[in-house]
């Protein structure tokens, strides 16, 4: 929903702004240019901006994958 999108943007401190609609109802969205790495448990691990090279991002992602340990199940089971 739009509310969920706004909540996610706020949680990650992402800037988002929809521009005016044209005659066809289309619009441009101005937004932060970031890629977020979130692990399978939903935990934020890293953020990559446009200044990071593909090699740097790949190295970071691989490092997080290699170090990943799942969270214990809720309730300690």
N, C-alpha and C. Protein backbone atom coordinates (compact mmCIF):
# COMPACT_ATOMS: atom_id res chain seq x y z
N UNK A 1 0.85 -1.19 0.00
CA UNK A 1 0.00 0.00 0.00
C UNK A 1 0.89 1.25 0.00
N UNK A 2 0.34 2.38 -0.36
CA UNK A 2 1.13 3.61 -0.28
C UNK A 2 1.67 3.88 1.12
N UNK A 3 0.89 3.55 2.12
CA UNK A 3 1.34 3.75 3.51
C UNK A 3 2.54 2.87 3.83
N UNK A 4 2.54 1.64 3.36
CA UNK A 4 3.65 0.73 3.60
C UNK A 4 4.91 1.20 2.88
N UNK A 5 4.73 1.72 1.68
CA UNK A 5 5.88 2.25 0.93
C UNK A 5 6.47 3.44 1.68
N UNK A 6 5.62 4.35 2.16
CA UNK A 6 6.11 5.50 2.93
C UNK A 6 6.83 5.04 4.19
N UNK A 7 6.28 4.05 4.88
CA UNK A 7 6.90 3.55 6.11
C UNK A 7 8.27 2.93 5.82
N UNK A 8 8.37 2.16 4.73
CA UNK A 8 9.66 1.55 4.35
C UNK A 8 10.66 2.64 3.99
N UNK A 9 10.24 3.63 3.22
CA UNK A 9 11.14 4.72 2.84
C UNK A 9 11.64 5.45 4.08
N UNK A 10 10.75 5.71 5.02
CA UNK A 10 11.15 6.38 6.26
C UNK A 10 12.10 5.52 7.07
N UNK A 11 11.84 4.24 7.15
CA UNK A 11 12.69 3.34 7.94
C UNK A 11 14.12 3.31 7.39
N UNK A 12 14.26 3.39 6.07
CA UNK A 12 15.58 3.35 5.45
C UNK A 12 16.12 4.74 5.13
N UNK A 13 15.37 5.77 5.54
CA UNK A 13 15.77 7.17 5.32
C UNK A 13 16.01 7.46 3.84
N UNK A 14 15.07 6.99 3.03
CA UNK A 14 15.13 7.18 1.59
C UNK A 14 14.26 8.37 1.21
N UNK A 15 14.80 9.22 0.36
CA UNK A 15 14.05 10.36 -0.16
C UNK A 15 13.24 9.89 -1.37
N UNK A 16 11.94 10.22 -1.38
CA UNK A 16 11.05 9.88 -2.50
C UNK A 16 10.09 11.04 -2.71
N UNK A 17 9.93 11.46 -3.97
CA UNK A 17 8.99 12.52 -4.27
C UNK A 17 8.44 12.32 -5.68
N UNK A 18 7.13 12.16 -5.78
CA UNK A 18 6.48 12.02 -7.09
C UNK A 18 6.28 13.40 -7.68
N UNK A 19 6.66 13.53 -8.94
CA UNK A 19 6.47 14.79 -9.64
C UNK A 19 5.05 14.94 -10.16
N UNK A 20 4.78 16.05 -10.82
CA UNK A 20 3.42 16.27 -11.34
C UNK A 20 3.10 15.28 -12.46
N UNK A 21 1.83 14.96 -12.58
CA UNK A 21 1.38 14.06 -13.64
C UNK A 21 1.27 14.84 -14.96
N UNK A 22 1.60 14.13 -16.05
CA UNK A 22 1.44 14.76 -17.36
C UNK A 22 0.03 14.48 -17.88
N UNK A 23 -0.22 14.83 -19.13
CA UNK A 23 -1.56 14.67 -19.72
C UNK A 23 -2.00 13.22 -19.77
N UNK A 24 -1.05 12.28 -19.82
CA UNK A 24 -1.37 10.86 -19.86
C UNK A 24 -1.50 10.24 -18.46
N UNK A 25 -1.25 11.05 -17.43
CA UNK A 25 -1.30 10.53 -16.06
C UNK A 25 0.02 9.94 -15.59
N UNK A 26 1.06 10.01 -16.43
CA UNK A 26 2.37 9.50 -16.05
C UNK A 26 3.09 10.54 -15.20
N UNK A 27 4.06 10.09 -14.42
CA UNK A 27 4.84 11.01 -13.59
C UNK A 27 6.23 10.42 -13.35
N UNK A 28 7.14 11.27 -12.98
CA UNK A 28 8.51 10.89 -12.67
C UNK A 28 8.65 10.89 -11.16
N UNK A 29 9.37 9.90 -10.63
CA UNK A 29 9.62 9.84 -9.20
C UNK A 29 11.09 10.15 -8.95
N UNK A 30 11.33 11.20 -8.20
CA UNK A 30 12.68 11.54 -7.77
C UNK A 30 12.93 10.76 -6.49
N UNK A 31 14.11 10.13 -6.38
CA UNK A 31 14.38 9.30 -5.21
C UNK A 31 15.86 9.13 -4.97
N UNK A 32 16.20 8.69 -3.78
CA UNK A 32 17.59 8.37 -3.46
C UNK A 32 18.07 7.27 -4.39
N UNK A 33 19.36 7.30 -4.72
CA UNK A 33 19.94 6.28 -5.59
C UNK A 33 20.83 5.41 -4.71
N UNK A 34 20.21 4.42 -4.07
CA UNK A 34 20.90 3.54 -3.15
C UNK A 34 20.42 2.12 -3.35
N UNK A 35 21.28 1.18 -3.07
CA UNK A 35 20.91 -0.23 -3.04
C UNK A 35 21.18 -0.73 -1.63
N UNK A 36 20.20 -1.36 -1.04
CA UNK A 36 20.31 -1.86 0.32
C UNK A 36 20.51 -3.37 0.32
N UNK A 37 21.38 -3.83 1.17
CA UNK A 37 21.57 -5.27 1.36
C UNK A 37 20.87 -5.65 2.66
N UNK A 38 19.88 -6.53 2.54
CA UNK A 38 19.10 -7.00 3.67
C UNK A 38 19.25 -8.52 3.69
N UNK A 39 19.57 -9.09 4.86
CA UNK A 39 19.79 -10.53 4.91
C UNK A 39 18.46 -11.30 4.92
N UNK A 40 18.50 -12.62 4.83
CA UNK A 40 17.26 -13.41 4.79
C UNK A 40 16.37 -13.24 6.02
N UNK A 41 16.93 -12.74 7.12
CA UNK A 41 16.13 -12.49 8.32
C UNK A 41 15.53 -11.09 8.33
N UNK A 42 15.80 -10.32 7.28
CA UNK A 42 15.28 -8.96 7.19
C UNK A 42 16.14 -7.93 7.89
N UNK A 43 17.36 -8.29 8.26
CA UNK A 43 18.26 -7.38 8.96
C UNK A 43 19.09 -6.59 7.94
N UNK A 44 19.10 -5.26 8.08
CA UNK A 44 19.90 -4.40 7.22
C UNK A 44 21.37 -4.72 7.42
N UNK A 45 22.11 -4.91 6.33
CA UNK A 45 23.53 -5.24 6.42
C UNK A 45 24.44 -4.19 5.81
N UNK A 46 24.03 -3.55 4.71
CA UNK A 46 24.90 -2.56 4.07
C UNK A 46 24.07 -1.73 3.11
N UNK A 47 24.67 -0.64 2.68
CA UNK A 47 24.03 0.27 1.73
C UNK A 47 25.08 0.68 0.71
N UNK A 48 24.70 0.70 -0.56
CA UNK A 48 25.65 1.00 -1.62
C UNK A 48 25.13 2.18 -2.45
N UNK A 49 25.95 3.21 -2.54
CA UNK A 49 25.62 4.36 -3.37
C UNK A 49 26.28 4.24 -4.73
N UNK A 50 26.09 5.25 -5.53
CA UNK A 50 26.59 5.23 -6.91
C UNK A 50 28.10 5.26 -6.99
N UNK A 51 28.77 5.67 -5.93
CA UNK A 51 30.23 5.76 -5.98
C UNK A 51 30.92 4.40 -5.80
N UNK A 52 30.16 3.39 -5.37
CA UNK A 52 30.75 2.06 -5.17
C UNK A 52 30.85 1.34 -6.51
N UNK A 53 31.99 0.70 -6.73
CA UNK A 53 32.16 -0.05 -7.98
C UNK A 53 31.46 -1.41 -7.85
N UNK A 54 31.24 -2.04 -8.99
CA UNK A 54 30.63 -3.37 -9.00
C UNK A 54 31.48 -4.34 -8.19
N UNK A 55 32.79 -4.21 -8.30
CA UNK A 55 33.68 -5.11 -7.56
C UNK A 55 33.56 -4.89 -6.06
N UNK A 56 33.45 -3.63 -5.62
CA UNK A 56 33.28 -3.34 -4.19
C UNK A 56 31.97 -3.90 -3.66
N UNK A 57 30.91 -3.73 -4.43
CA UNK A 57 29.61 -4.25 -4.01
C UNK A 57 29.66 -5.77 -3.94
N UNK A 58 30.21 -6.39 -4.96
CA UNK A 58 30.30 -7.86 -4.99
C UNK A 58 31.11 -8.37 -3.81
N UNK A 59 32.22 -7.72 -3.50
CA UNK A 59 33.07 -8.13 -2.38
C UNK A 59 32.31 -8.00 -1.05
N UNK A 60 31.58 -6.91 -0.90
CA UNK A 60 30.80 -6.69 0.32
C UNK A 60 29.70 -7.73 0.46
N UNK A 61 28.95 -7.94 -0.62
CA UNK A 61 27.86 -8.92 -0.57
C UNK A 61 28.42 -10.31 -0.25
N UNK A 62 29.49 -10.70 -0.90
CA UNK A 62 30.10 -12.01 -0.64
C UNK A 62 30.54 -12.11 0.82
N UNK A 63 31.15 -11.06 1.34
CA UNK A 63 31.57 -11.06 2.75
C UNK A 63 30.40 -11.24 3.69
N UNK A 64 29.29 -10.55 3.42
CA UNK A 64 28.10 -10.70 4.26
C UNK A 64 27.50 -12.10 4.10
N UNK A 65 27.52 -12.64 2.89
CA UNK A 65 27.00 -14.00 2.69
C UNK A 65 27.85 -15.02 3.45
N UNK A 66 29.15 -14.86 3.37
CA UNK A 66 30.04 -15.81 4.04
C UNK A 66 29.91 -15.74 5.56
N UNK A 67 29.61 -14.54 6.09
CA UNK A 67 29.53 -14.36 7.55
C UNK A 67 28.11 -14.58 8.09
N UNK A 68 27.14 -14.80 7.21
CA UNK A 68 25.75 -14.89 7.64
C UNK A 68 25.49 -16.09 8.54
N UNK A 69 24.81 -15.82 9.63
CA UNK A 69 24.30 -16.86 10.52
C UNK A 69 22.86 -16.53 10.81
N UNK A 70 21.93 -17.45 10.55
CA UNK A 70 20.52 -17.16 10.76
C UNK A 70 20.22 -16.81 12.22
N UNK A 71 19.24 -15.95 12.40
CA UNK A 71 18.78 -15.64 13.74
C UNK A 71 18.11 -16.87 14.34
N UNK A 72 18.20 -17.06 15.65
CA UNK A 72 17.48 -18.19 16.24
C UNK A 72 15.98 -18.00 16.10
N UNK A 73 15.22 -19.07 16.05
CA UNK A 73 13.77 -18.95 15.91
C UNK A 73 13.18 -18.16 17.08
N UNK A 74 12.08 -17.48 16.84
CA UNK A 74 11.39 -16.75 17.91
C UNK A 74 10.98 -17.72 19.00
N UNK A 75 11.14 -17.33 20.22
CA UNK A 75 10.80 -18.20 21.33
C UNK A 75 11.95 -19.11 21.74
N UNK A 76 13.11 -18.97 21.08
CA UNK A 76 14.29 -19.73 21.46
C UNK A 76 14.25 -21.21 21.13
N UNK A 77 13.40 -21.60 20.19
CA UNK A 77 13.29 -23.02 19.85
C UNK A 77 14.19 -23.39 18.71
